[in-house]
Structure formats: C-alpha cells, structure tokens
Amino acid sequence: MAETHVLFVEDDDVIREATTLALERDGFVVTAMPDGLSGLESFRADRPDIALLDVMVPGMDGVSLCRRIRDESTVPVIMLSARADSIDVVLGLEAGADDYVTKPFDGSVLVARIRAVLRRFGHAGGPQNGGPGSDQGQDAERGVLSFGDLEVDTEGMEVRKAGAAVALTPTEMRLLLEFSSAPGTVLSRDRLLERVWDYDWGGDTRVVDVHVQRLRTKIGQDRIETVRGFGYKLKA
C-alpha cells in the first residue's frame, strides 16, 4: 500500500516501540510520541493520515487530545485502551474517535483495524444511488435525497438542515448515507458495523450507538428512530 503516516501516542516505552516496529513492517510511516502535548504538536506539524491515541497518557489524556484533533481536522482517530471499560470507550467515541482497540492487542488485528478505517475514509461514497429507498425524495439529476428539512447530497458529500450546512465526519457521513439509502427500513447494528465500519466479523455495537447519537445531535434528535431489539431507522 502507499505510505501512510500514523501518529501514535503511547506512554509505555515497550508498547510504543514494539507497536511502531510492527506498523513499520507493514509499510506505515510512524511518528511515536510519549504524551498528549507532544502528540498534539506532532499532529499540527505533520498532519498524519491517522492517529492512534492511548487513553491514559500524561500531559493531555487521549480523550482530550482526540477532542483537540477533532476541532481541527476530520482525520481518522482510533483510541487505545488498556481496559474494555464502558466509560473509556464511550468517552473516546463521544470525543470524536472513529473506532477503538482494547489492549493488549495483536499487531495484525491493529493493522487490520487501521486499514479498515483508512478504506472508509478513502472512499466515503457509501451506498450507491439506486439502492433500497433511493427514490425517496431524491432529485435524480443532482443525487440529492430530501427528508423534510434534511438534504443529503450523495455526490457532493454535503448535508444541509433547513438550508444550513451540517459538518459531519467521514464516519458520520457514511452512517447517514447508509440510513438515507433505505429510509423507513430498520438497520441492525451488525449490518451497520459491516457496511459503515467494514467489520465482517462483528464488533462492539457501542461504536454504532455512540455514532448514531452524535449524528442525531447534528441532524435532529427525532430524525433517526430507535427500534428496540432490532436497530435504527431513518424516518422517511
């Protein structure tokens, strides 16, 4: 694959060095930093393609660093946590992270997750026109889907609510494209993990839940309905 620049922020020397070597063997260019403040400086100076942030790092913790990065960029972020603790996971995702990996992790698993995130960000096109429900409020000439005051431009990758632009991260955009391709259809969390996060082996559905909530805050809390025991659907 083409060289991809990874910012890796980890305070444990052994993990930092071993993971850096593993990533470099797979063709990544890695900048490894031991704390959050140096990680932020490196991010601003180098503008990496993806950031791997440990939750518990000194100076500025990984969640705070993720928020700072998200304020400035839509670059993909994967959080690393030594615990599968719900608070760690949810805080990281709510801060704007796109995925998380629990330590200890296998190097091949981490590489697979990185590549899955990069594939999503490399082609944010999501579902193609003509899929289920694509005739719902769609201007076929412009590729614009309309749901009340919400407009989704599937070609220009833009979203407007009541005429005002809505800023979405690439992951949020892919999630909305998946919903808008099948308005009124219940989409399970497993399907969303497969289609949006590129997981063909299952995964933690909290990733879906937090991103749906983030999307709701931007396009309207009542636009995406929870169907208990089944998943979510976009109100047509």
C-alpha atoms as a PDB file:
ATOM      1  CA  MET A   1       0.000   0.000   0.000  1.00  0.00           C
ATOM      2  CA  ALA A   2       1.099   3.617  -0.414  1.00  0.00           C
ATOM      3  CA  GLU A   3       2.935   5.063   2.537  1.00  0.00           C
ATOM      4  CA  THR A   4       0.519   6.103   5.253  1.00  0.00           C
ATOM      5  CA  HIS A   5       1.629   8.390   8.065  1.00  0.00           C
ATOM      6  CA  VAL A   6       0.482   7.245  11.506  1.00  0.00           C
ATOM      7  CA  LEU A   7       0.668   9.393  14.634  1.00  0.00           C
ATOM      8  CA  PHE A   8       0.998   7.025  17.602  1.00  0.00           C
ATOM      9  CA  VAL A   9       0.691   8.443  21.130  1.00  0.00           C
ATOM     10  CA  GLU A  10       1.590   5.937  23.864  1.00  0.00           C
ATOM     11  CA  ASP A  11       3.450   6.482  27.154  1.00  0.00           C
ATOM     12  CA  ASP A  12       4.547   2.858  27.700  1.00  0.00           C
ATOM     13  CA  ASP A  13       8.026   2.587  26.149  1.00  0.00           C
ATOM     14  CA  VAL A  14       7.791  -1.137  25.404  1.00  0.00           C
ATOM     15  CA  ILE A  15       4.359  -0.920  23.760  1.00  0.00           C
ATOM     16  CA  ARG A  16       5.332   2.216  21.849  1.00  0.00           C
ATOM     17  CA  GLU A  17       8.497   0.700  20.416  1.00  0.00           C
ATOM     18  CA  ALA A  18       7.028  -2.741  19.666  1.00  0.00           C
ATOM     19  CA  THR A  19       3.926  -1.331  18.008  1.00  0.00           C
ATOM     20  CA  THR A  20       5.955   1.165  15.986  1.00  0.00           C
ATOM     21  CA  LEU A  21       8.144  -1.638  14.639  1.00  0.00           C
ATOM     22  CA  ALA A  22       5.093  -3.768  13.810  1.00  0.00           C
ATOM     23  CA  LEU A  23       3.428  -0.920  11.913  1.00  0.00           C
ATOM     24  CA  GLU A  24       6.621  -0.042  10.057  1.00  0.00           C
ATOM     25  CA  ARG A  25       6.988  -3.658   8.950  1.00  0.00           C
ATOM     26  CA  ASP A  26       3.553  -3.337   7.364  1.00  0.00           C
ATOM     27  CA  GLY A  27       4.613  -0.282   5.401  1.00  0.00           C
ATOM     28  CA  PHE A  28       3.364   2.536   7.614  1.00  0.00           C
ATOM     29  CA  VAL A  29       5.389   5.617   8.443  1.00  0.00           C
ATOM     30  CA  VAL A  30       5.081   6.132  12.197  1.00  0.00           C
ATOM     31  CA  THR A  31       5.658   9.153  14.405  1.00  0.00           C
ATOM     32  CA  ALA A  32       5.534   7.940  18.011  1.00  0.00           C
ATOM     33  CA  MET A  33       5.055  10.337  20.903  1.00  0.00           C
ATOM     34  CA  PRO A  34       5.055   9.616  24.673  1.00  0.00           C
ATOM     35  CA  ASP A  35       2.463  12.144  25.841  1.00  0.00           C
ATOM     36  CA  GLY A  36      -0.555  14.101  24.716  1.00  0.00           C
ATOM     37  CA  LEU A  37       1.081  17.521  24.431  1.00  0.00           C
ATOM     38  CA  SER A  38       3.873  16.316  22.164  1.00  0.00           C
ATOM     39  CA  GLY A  39       1.261  14.320  20.252  1.00  0.00           C
ATOM     40  CA  LEU A  40      -0.756  17.481  19.586  1.00  0.00           C
ATOM     41  CA  GLU A  41       2.363  19.349  18.455  1.00  0.00           C
ATOM     42  CA  SER A  42       3.264  16.494  16.119  1.00  0.00           C
ATOM     43  CA  PHE A  43      -0.246  16.364  14.724  1.00  0.00           C
ATOM     44  CA  ARG A  44      -0.218  20.054  13.900  1.00  0.00           C
ATOM     45  CA  ALA A  45       3.266  19.906  12.374  1.00  0.00           C
ATOM     46  CA  ASP A  46       2.965  16.695  10.357  1.00  0.00           C
ATOM     47  CA  ARG A  47      -0.776  16.301   9.593  1.00  0.00           C
ATOM     48  CA  PRO A  48      -0.761  12.472   9.715  1.00  0.00           C
ATOM     49  CA  ASP A  49      -3.225  10.271   7.827  1.00  0.00           C
ATOM     50  CA  ILE A  50      -4.488   8.594  11.010  1.00  0.00           C
ATOM     51  CA  ALA A  51      -3.964   8.940  14.764  1.00  0.00           C
ATOM     52  CA  LEU A  52      -3.669   6.132  17.325  1.00  0.00           C
ATOM     53  CA  LEU A  53      -4.184   7.560  20.798  1.00  0.00           C
ATOM     54  CA  ASP A  54      -3.805   5.739  24.094  1.00  0.00           C
ATOM     55  CA  VAL A  55      -6.471   6.878  26.549  1.00  0.00           C
ATOM     56  CA  MET A  56      -4.146   7.159  29.565  1.00  0.00           C
ATOM     57  CA  VAL A  57      -1.180   9.316  28.563  1.00  0.00           C
ATOM     58  CA  PRO A  58       0.404  12.139  30.610  1.00  0.00           C
ATOM     59  CA  GLY A  59       0.245  15.844  29.892  1.00  0.00           C
ATOM     60  CA  MET A  60      -3.012  15.648  27.978  1.00  0.00           C
ATOM     61  CA  ASP A  61      -5.019  12.427  28.088  1.00  0.00           C
ATOM     62  CA  GLY A  62      -6.023  10.679  24.879  1.00  0.00           C
ATOM     63  CA  VAL A  63      -9.677  11.716  25.075  1.00  0.00           C
ATOM     64  CA  SER A  64      -8.758  15.399  25.407  1.00  0.00           C
ATOM     65  CA  LEU A  65      -6.243  15.053  22.589  1.00  0.00           C
ATOM     66  CA  CYS A  66      -8.895  13.448  20.410  1.00  0.00           C
ATOM     67  CA  ARG A  67     -11.202  16.415  21.045  1.00  0.00           C
ATOM     68  CA  ARG A  68      -8.453  18.862  20.075  1.00  0.00           C
ATOM     69  CA  ILE A  69      -7.717  16.942  16.890  1.00  0.00           C
ATOM     70  CA  ARG A  70     -11.400  16.745  16.020  1.00  0.00           C
ATOM     71  CA  ASP A  71     -11.743  20.519  16.489  1.00  0.00           C
ATOM     72  CA  GLU A  72      -9.135  20.986  13.767  1.00  0.00           C
ATOM     73  CA  SER A  73      -9.493  18.025  11.445  1.00  0.00           C
ATOM     74  CA  THR A  74     -11.585  15.056  10.305  1.00  0.00           C
ATOM     75  CA  VAL A  75      -8.513  12.792  10.226  1.00  0.00           C
ATOM     76  CA  PRO A  76      -9.471   9.299  11.464  1.00  0.00           C
ATOM     77  CA  VAL A  77      -8.755   8.515  15.110  1.00  0.00           C
ATOM     78  CA  ILE A  78      -8.503   5.127  16.822  1.00  0.00           C
ATOM     79  CA  MET A  79      -8.402   5.079  20.615  1.00  0.00           C
ATOM     80  CA  LEU A  80      -6.334   2.500  22.500  1.00  0.00           C
ATOM     81  CA  SER A  81      -7.374   1.479  26.000  1.00  0.00           C
ATOM     82  CA  ALA A  82      -5.955  -0.997  28.494  1.00  0.00           C
ATOM     83  CA  ARG A  83      -9.482  -1.605  29.720  1.00  0.00           C
ATOM     84  CA  ALA A  84     -12.662  -2.558  27.916  1.00  0.00           C
ATOM     85  CA  ASP A  85     -14.332  -0.181  30.335  1.00  0.00           C
ATOM     86  CA  SER A  86     -17.558   1.336  29.038  1.00  0.00           C
ATOM     87  CA  ILE A  87     -16.611   4.796  30.283  1.00  0.00           C
ATOM     88  CA  ASP A  88     -13.286   4.758  28.431  1.00  0.00           C
ATOM     89  CA  VAL A  89     -14.915   3.511  25.250  1.00  0.00           C
ATOM     90  CA  VAL A  90     -17.850   5.917  25.282  1.00  0.00           C
ATOM     91  CA  LEU A  91     -15.767   8.958  26.239  1.00  0.00           C
ATOM     92  CA  GLY A  92     -13.347   8.266  23.398  1.00  0.00           C
ATOM     93  CA  LEU A  93     -16.099   7.808  20.837  1.00  0.00           C
ATOM     94  CA  GLU A  94     -18.022  10.844  22.067  1.00  0.00           C
ATOM     95  CA  ALA A  95     -14.818  12.884  21.738  1.00  0.00           C
ATOM     96  CA  GLY A  96     -14.852  12.090  18.027  1.00  0.00           C
ATOM     97  CA  ALA A  97     -12.896   8.845  17.715  1.00  0.00           C
ATOM     98  CA  ASP A  98     -13.923   6.579  14.857  1.00  0.00           C
ATOM     99  CA  ASP A  99     -13.006   3.280  16.498  1.00  0.00           C
ATOM    100  CA  TYR A 100     -11.189   1.829  19.486  1.00  0.00           C
ATOM    101  CA  VAL A 101      -8.946  -1.154  20.222  1.00  0.00           C
ATOM    102  CA  THR A 102      -8.505  -2.752  23.640  1.00  0.00           C
ATOM    103  CA  LYS A 103      -5.008  -3.556  24.890  1.00  0.00           C
ATOM    104  CA  PRO A 104      -3.305  -5.952  24.820  1.00  0.00           C
ATOM    105  CA  PHE A 105      -3.828  -6.314  21.090  1.00  0.00           C
ATOM    106  CA  ASP A 106      -2.331  -8.434  18.354  1.00  0.00           C
ATOM    107  CA  GLY A 107      -0.329  -6.408  15.837  1.00  0.00           C
ATOM    108  CA  SER A 108      -2.163  -7.964  12.901  1.00  0.00           C
ATOM    109  CA  VAL A 109      -5.524  -7.032  14.440  1.00  0.00           C
ATOM    110  CA  LEU A 110      -4.432  -3.423  14.907  1.00  0.00           C
ATOM    111  CA  VAL A 111      -3.197  -3.248  11.302  1.00  0.00           C
ATOM    112  CA  ALA A 112      -6.494  -4.684  10.074  1.00  0.00           C
ATOM    113  CA  ARG A 113      -8.464  -2.085  12.038  1.00  0.00           C
ATOM    114  CA  ILE A 114      -6.264   0.734  10.742  1.00  0.00           C
ATOM    115  CA  ARG A 115      -6.730  -0.400   7.161  1.00  0.00           C
ATOM    116  CA  ALA A 116     -10.485  -0.753   7.648  1.00  0.00           C
ATOM    117  CA  VAL A 117     -10.697   2.849   8.890  1.00  0.00           C
ATOM    118  CA  LEU A 118      -8.499   4.096   6.053  1.00  0.00           C
ATOM    119  CA  ARG A 119     -10.666   2.319   3.476  1.00  0.00           C
ATOM    120  CA  ARG A 120     -13.714   4.075   4.864  1.00  0.00           C
ATOM    121  CA  PHE A 121     -12.025   7.446   4.733  1.00  0.00           C
ATOM    122  CA  GLY A 122     -10.531   6.801   1.317  1.00  0.00           C
ATOM    123  CA  HIS A 123     -13.912   6.311  -0.332  1.00  0.00           C
ATOM    124  CA  ALA A 124     -16.672   7.981   1.656  1.00  0.00           C
ATOM    125  CA  GLY A 125     -19.146   7.308  -1.132  1.00  0.00           C
ATOM    126  CA  GLY A 126     -21.071   4.712   0.865  1.00  0.00           C
ATOM    127  CA  PRO A 127     -24.217   3.263  -0.692  1.00  0.00           C
ATOM    128  CA  GLN A 128     -24.693   3.898  -4.378  1.00  0.00           C
ATOM    129  CA  ASN A 129     -27.706   5.584  -5.935  1.00  0.00           C
ATOM    130  CA  GLY A 130     -30.384   3.142  -6.891  1.00  0.00           C
ATOM    131  CA  GLY A 131     -30.258   1.178  -3.645  1.00  0.00           C
ATOM    132  CA  PRO A 132     -33.280   0.475  -1.464  1.00  0.00           C
ATOM    133  CA  GLY A 133     -35.372   3.565  -0.917  1.00  0.00           C
ATOM    134  CA  SER A 134     -33.229   5.716  -3.186  1.00  0.00           C
ATOM    135  CA  ASP A 135     -36.311   7.177  -4.878  1.00  0.00           C
ATOM    136  CA  GLN A 136     -37.500   8.702  -1.587  1.00  0.00           C
ATOM    137  CA  GLY A 137     -37.398  12.469  -2.119  1.00  0.00           C
ATOM    138  CA  GLN A 138     -34.453  12.208  -4.489  1.00  0.00           C
ATOM    139  CA  ASP A 139     -33.563  14.678  -7.226  1.00  0.00           C
ATOM    140  CA  ALA A 140     -32.130  12.116  -9.651  1.00  0.00           C
ATOM    141  CA  GLU A 141     -30.267  14.742 -11.630  1.00  0.00           C
ATOM    142  CA  ARG A 142     -28.364  16.061  -8.622  1.00  0.00           C
ATOM    143  CA  GLY A 143     -28.198  12.972  -6.405  1.00  0.00           C
ATOM    144  CA  VAL A 144     -29.882  14.823  -3.548  1.00  0.00           C
ATOM    145  CA  LEU A 145     -32.050  12.977  -1.043  1.00  0.00           C
ATOM    146  CA  SER A 146     -34.601  15.044   0.892  1.00  0.00           C
ATOM    147  CA  PHE A 147     -36.181  14.108   4.220  1.00  0.00           C
ATOM    148  CA  GLY A 148     -38.233  17.039   5.424  1.00  0.00           C
ATOM    149  CA  ASP A 149     -35.782  19.874   6.065  1.00  0.00           C
ATOM    150  CA  LEU A 150     -32.817  17.496   5.768  1.00  0.00           C
ATOM    151  CA  GLU A 151     -30.978  17.262   2.419  1.00  0.00           C
ATOM    152  CA  VAL A 152     -28.244  14.720   1.704  1.00  0.00           C
ATOM    153  CA  ASP A 153     -26.135  15.298  -1.401  1.00  0.00           C
ATOM    154  CA  THR A 154     -24.803  11.808  -2.161  1.00  0.00           C
ATOM    155  CA  GLU A 155     -22.492  13.056  -4.901  1.00  0.00           C
ATOM    156  CA  GLY A 156     -21.120  16.211  -3.326  1.00  0.00           C
ATOM    157  CA  MET A 157     -20.980  14.586   0.126  1.00  0.00           C
ATOM    158  CA  GLU A 158     -22.766  17.538   1.705  1.00  0.00           C
ATOM    159  CA  VAL A 159     -25.622  17.727   4.194  1.00  0.00           C
ATOM    160  CA  ARG A 160     -27.962  20.630   4.874  1.00  0.00           C
ATOM    161  CA  LYS A 161     -30.606  21.065   7.543  1.00  0.00           C
ATOM    162  CA  ALA A 162     -33.125  23.843   6.981  1.00  0.00           C
ATOM    163  CA  GLY A 163     -30.734  25.215   4.378  1.00  0.00           C
ATOM    164  CA  ALA A 164     -27.740  25.385   6.723  1.00  0.00           C
ATOM    165  CA  ALA A 165     -24.661  23.238   6.122  1.00  0.00           C
ATOM    166  CA  VAL A 166     -24.101  20.404   8.600  1.00  0.00           C
ATOM    167  CA  ALA A 167     -20.480  19.409   9.290  1.00  0.00           C
ATOM    168  CA  LEU A 168     -20.112  15.634   9.545  1.00  0.00           C
ATOM    169  CA  THR A 169     -17.044  13.486   9.989  1.00  0.00           C
ATOM    170  CA  PRO A 170     -16.483  10.888   7.230  1.00  0.00           C
ATOM    171  CA  THR A 171     -17.762   8.129   9.526  1.00  0.00           C
ATOM    172  CA  GLU A 172     -20.902  10.114  10.344  1.00  0.00           C
ATOM    173  CA  MET A 173     -21.394  10.788   6.628  1.00  0.00           C
ATOM    174  CA  ARG A 174     -21.132   7.108   5.767  1.00  0.00           C
ATOM    175  CA  LEU A 175     -23.584   6.285   8.533  1.00  0.00           C
ATOM    176  CA  LEU A 176     -26.076   8.843   7.228  1.00  0.00           C
ATOM    177  CA  LEU A 177     -25.637   7.566   3.661  1.00  0.00           C
ATOM    178  CA  GLU A 178     -26.448   4.066   4.841  1.00  0.00           C
ATOM    179  CA  PHE A 179     -29.606   5.284   6.555  1.00  0.00           C
ATOM    180  CA  SER A 180     -30.657   7.504   3.659  1.00  0.00           C
ATOM    181  CA  SER A 181     -30.273   4.649   1.156  1.00  0.00           C
ATOM    182  CA  ALA A 182     -33.118   2.830   2.935  1.00  0.00           C
ATOM    183  CA  PRO A 183     -35.389   5.341   4.701  1.00  0.00           C
ATOM    184  CA  GLY A 184     -38.019   3.723   6.869  1.00  0.00           C
ATOM    185  CA  THR A 185     -36.110   0.421   6.907  1.00  0.00           C
ATOM    186  CA  VAL A 186     -34.757  -0.869  10.208  1.00  0.00           C
ATOM    187  CA  LEU A 187     -30.991  -1.384  10.018  1.00  0.00           C
ATOM    188  CA  SER A 188     -29.447  -3.663  12.610  1.00  0.00           C
ATOM    189  CA  ARG A 189     -26.303  -2.703  14.485  1.00  0.00           C
ATOM    190  CA  ASP A 190     -24.492  -5.674  12.945  1.00  0.00           C
ATOM    191  CA  ARG A 191     -25.383  -4.505   9.442  1.00  0.00           C
ATOM    192  CA  LEU A 192     -24.173  -1.005  10.229  1.00  0.00           C
ATOM    193  CA  LEU A 193     -20.905  -2.379  11.633  1.00  0.00           C
ATOM    194  CA  GLU A 194     -20.410  -4.325   8.410  1.00  0.00           C
ATOM    195  CA  ARG A 195     -21.402  -1.571   5.980  1.00  0.00           C
ATOM    196  CA  VAL A 196     -20.036   1.508   7.741  1.00  0.00           C
ATOM    197  CA  TRP A 197     -17.141   0.165   9.823  1.00  0.00           C
ATOM    198  CA  ASP A 198     -16.161  -2.580   7.377  1.00  0.00           C
ATOM    199  CA  TYR A 199     -16.378  -5.294  10.036  1.00  0.00           C
ATOM    200  CA  ASP A 200     -17.217  -8.663   8.527  1.00  0.00           C
ATOM    201  CA  TRP A 201     -16.559 -10.446  11.812  1.00  0.00           C
ATOM    202  CA  GLY A 202     -18.757  -8.493  14.183  1.00  0.00           C
ATOM    203  CA  GLY A 203     -17.670  -5.893  16.698  1.00  0.00           C
ATOM    204  CA  ASP A 204     -18.686  -3.771  19.660  1.00  0.00           C
ATOM    205  CA  THR A 205     -22.096  -2.266  18.934  1.00  0.00           C
ATOM    206  CA  ARG A 206     -21.351   0.631  21.290  1.00  0.00           C
ATOM    207  CA  VAL A 207     -19.430   2.120  18.376  1.00  0.00           C
ATOM    208  CA  VAL A 208     -22.697   2.250  16.428  1.00  0.00           C
ATOM    209  CA  ASP A 209     -24.772   3.577  19.325  1.00  0.00           C
ATOM    210  CA  VAL A 210     -22.434   6.469  20.096  1.00  0.00           C
ATOM    211  CA  HIS A 211     -22.086   7.484  16.449  1.00  0.00           C
ATOM    212  CA  VAL A 212     -25.861   7.384  15.972  1.00  0.00           C
ATOM    213  CA  GLN A 213     -26.246   9.691  18.966  1.00  0.00           C
ATOM    214  CA  ARG A 214     -23.590  12.062  17.589  1.00  0.00           C
ATOM    215  CA  LEU A 215     -25.361  12.071  14.237  1.00  0.00           C
ATOM    216  CA  ARG A 216     -28.693  12.806  15.919  1.00  0.00           C
ATOM    217  CA  THR A 217     -27.298  15.903  17.612  1.00  0.00           C
ATOM    218  CA  LYS A 218     -26.366  17.261  14.195  1.00  0.00           C
ATOM    219  CA  ILE A 219     -29.357  16.351  12.019  1.00  0.00           C
ATOM    220  CA  GLY A 220     -32.116  16.287  14.646  1.00  0.00           C
ATOM    221  CA  GLN A 221     -32.808  14.003  17.590  1.00  0.00           C
ATOM    222  CA  ASP A 222     -36.068  12.723  16.113  1.00  0.00           C
ATOM    223  CA  ARG A 223     -34.719  12.028  12.621  1.00  0.00           C
ATOM    224  CA  ILE A 224     -33.278   8.590  13.483  1.00  0.00           C
ATOM    225  CA  GLU A 225     -35.615   6.312  15.406  1.00  0.00           C
ATOM    226  CA  THR A 226     -34.523   3.530  17.752  1.00  0.00           C
ATOM    227  CA  VAL A 227     -36.388   0.254  17.195  1.00  0.00           C
ATOM    228  CA  ARG A 228     -35.758  -1.667  20.402  1.00  0.00           C
ATOM    229  CA  GLY A 229     -34.276  -5.094  19.916  1.00  0.00           C
ATOM    230  CA  PHE A 230     -33.663  -4.529  16.199  1.00  0.00           C
ATOM    231  CA  GLY A 231     -31.686  -1.377  15.438  1.00  0.00           C
ATOM    232  CA  TYR A 232     -32.314   2.048  13.955  1.00  0.00           C
ATOM    233  CA  LYS A 233     -34.183   3.579  11.050  1.00  0.00           C
ATOM    234  CA  LEU A 234     -34.271   6.940   9.330  1.00  0.00           C
ATOM    235  CA  LYS A 235     -37.736   8.463   9.297  1.00  0.00           C
ATOM    236  CA  ALA A 236     -38.765   8.866   5.675  1.00  0.00           C
END
